[in-house]
């Protein structure tokens, strides 16, 4: 899979079978997303940034 460049403000949160950062189709909403992040560094970086921004909104530690 090729690396894609995406504007930081583009996200798609309404379809769990698509990456919210690049809109690529995922095989399923859970493990496939994690696999996708490992293959796509641009999405991984955007996910990590998103996670840092919402960390205070989530009580306790992340599960999974």
C-alpha atoms as a PDB file:
ATOM      1  CA  UNK A   1       0.000   0.000   0.000  1.00  0.00           C
ATOM      2  CA  UNK A   2       1.367   3.409  -0.859  1.00  0.00           C
ATOM      3  CA  UNK A   3       1.786   6.256   1.592  1.00  0.00           C
ATOM      4  CA  UNK A   4      -0.787   8.985   1.160  1.00  0.00           C
ATOM      5  CA  UNK A   5      -0.594  12.602   2.133  1.00  0.00           C
ATOM      6  CA  UNK A   6      -3.733  14.060   3.691  1.00  0.00           C
ATOM      7  CA  UNK A   7      -4.629  17.455   5.092  1.00  0.00           C
ATOM      8  CA  UNK A   8      -4.745  17.327   8.886  1.00  0.00           C
ATOM      9  CA  UNK A   9      -8.368  18.471   8.996  1.00  0.00           C
ATOM     10  CA  UNK A  10      -9.806  15.665   6.828  1.00  0.00           C
ATOM     11  CA  UNK A  11     -11.412  12.870   8.838  1.00  0.00           C
ATOM     12  CA  UNK A  12     -14.253  10.449   8.219  1.00  0.00           C
ATOM     13  CA  UNK A  13     -15.724   9.169  11.481  1.00  0.00           C
ATOM     14  CA  UNK A  14     -19.105   7.826  10.332  1.00  0.00           C
ATOM     15  CA  UNK A  15     -18.006   4.531   8.715  1.00  0.00           C
ATOM     16  CA  UNK A  16     -16.217   1.973  10.924  1.00  0.00           C
ATOM     17  CA  UNK A  17     -15.122   0.037   7.833  1.00  0.00           C
ATOM     18  CA  UNK A  18     -13.011   2.961   6.601  1.00  0.00           C
ATOM     19  CA  UNK A  19      -9.941   4.620   8.042  1.00  0.00           C
ATOM     20  CA  UNK A  20     -11.104   7.937   9.514  1.00  0.00           C
ATOM     21  CA  UNK A  21      -7.896   9.624   8.358  1.00  0.00           C
ATOM     22  CA  UNK A  22      -7.543   8.528   4.726  1.00  0.00           C
ATOM     23  CA  UNK A  23     -10.907   6.879   3.975  1.00  0.00           C
ATOM     24  CA  UNK A  24      -9.234   3.608   2.860  1.00  0.00           C
ATOM     25  CA  UNK A  25     -11.505   0.585   3.141  1.00  0.00           C
ATOM     26  CA  UNK A  26     -10.790  -1.699   6.115  1.00  0.00           C
ATOM     27  CA  UNK A  27     -11.564  -5.425   6.317  1.00  0.00           C
ATOM     28  CA  UNK A  28     -13.269  -4.821   9.691  1.00  0.00           C
ATOM     29  CA  UNK A  29     -13.539  -2.074  12.265  1.00  0.00           C
ATOM     30  CA  UNK A  30     -11.074  -3.416  14.847  1.00  0.00           C
ATOM     31  CA  UNK A  31      -7.945  -5.399  14.014  1.00  0.00           C
ATOM     32  CA  UNK A  32      -7.858  -4.174  10.418  1.00  0.00           C
ATOM     33  CA  UNK A  33      -7.562  -0.580  11.633  1.00  0.00           C
ATOM     34  CA  UNK A  34      -4.552  -1.470  13.791  1.00  0.00           C
ATOM     35  CA  UNK A  35      -2.965  -3.308  10.843  1.00  0.00           C
ATOM     36  CA  UNK A  36      -3.694  -0.321   8.603  1.00  0.00           C
ATOM     37  CA  UNK A  37      -1.894   2.024  11.009  1.00  0.00           C
ATOM     38  CA  UNK A  38       1.165  -0.226  10.982  1.00  0.00           C
ATOM     39  CA  UNK A  39       1.282  -0.095   7.172  1.00  0.00           C
ATOM     40  CA  UNK A  40       0.428   3.578   6.774  1.00  0.00           C
ATOM     41  CA  UNK A  41       2.691   5.914   8.738  1.00  0.00           C
ATOM     42  CA  UNK A  42       0.730   9.024   7.762  1.00  0.00           C
ATOM     43  CA  UNK A  43      -2.443   7.622   9.338  1.00  0.00           C
ATOM     44  CA  UNK A  44      -0.486   6.328  12.334  1.00  0.00           C
ATOM     45  CA  UNK A  45       0.922   9.798  13.000  1.00  0.00           C
ATOM     46  CA  UNK A  46      -2.516  11.399  12.658  1.00  0.00           C
ATOM     47  CA  UNK A  47      -4.023   8.762  14.999  1.00  0.00           C
ATOM     48  CA  UNK A  48      -1.342   9.406  17.617  1.00  0.00           C
ATOM     49  CA  UNK A  49      -1.988  13.165  17.396  1.00  0.00           C
ATOM     50  CA  UNK A  50      -5.745  12.591  17.711  1.00  0.00           C
ATOM     51  CA  UNK A  51      -5.227  10.272  20.684  1.00  0.00           C
ATOM     52  CA  UNK A  52      -3.087  12.857  22.483  1.00  0.00           C
ATOM     53  CA  UNK A  53      -5.788  15.481  21.949  1.00  0.00           C
ATOM     54  CA  UNK A  54      -8.619  13.367  23.379  1.00  0.00           C
ATOM     55  CA  UNK A  55      -6.669  11.607  26.140  1.00  0.00           C
ATOM     56  CA  UNK A  56      -8.028  13.939  28.824  1.00  0.00           C
ATOM     57  CA  UNK A  57     -11.585  13.236  27.649  1.00  0.00           C
ATOM     58  CA  UNK A  58     -11.245   9.485  28.281  1.00  0.00           C
ATOM     59  CA  UNK A  59     -11.423   8.353  31.896  1.00  0.00           C
ATOM     60  CA  UNK A  60      -8.689   5.934  32.915  1.00  0.00           C
ATOM     61  CA  UNK A  61      -6.363   4.252  30.464  1.00  0.00           C
ATOM     62  CA  UNK A  62      -7.177   3.122  26.934  1.00  0.00           C
ATOM     63  CA  UNK A  63      -8.405  -0.452  26.649  1.00  0.00           C
ATOM     64  CA  UNK A  64      -7.162  -2.866  24.015  1.00  0.00           C
END
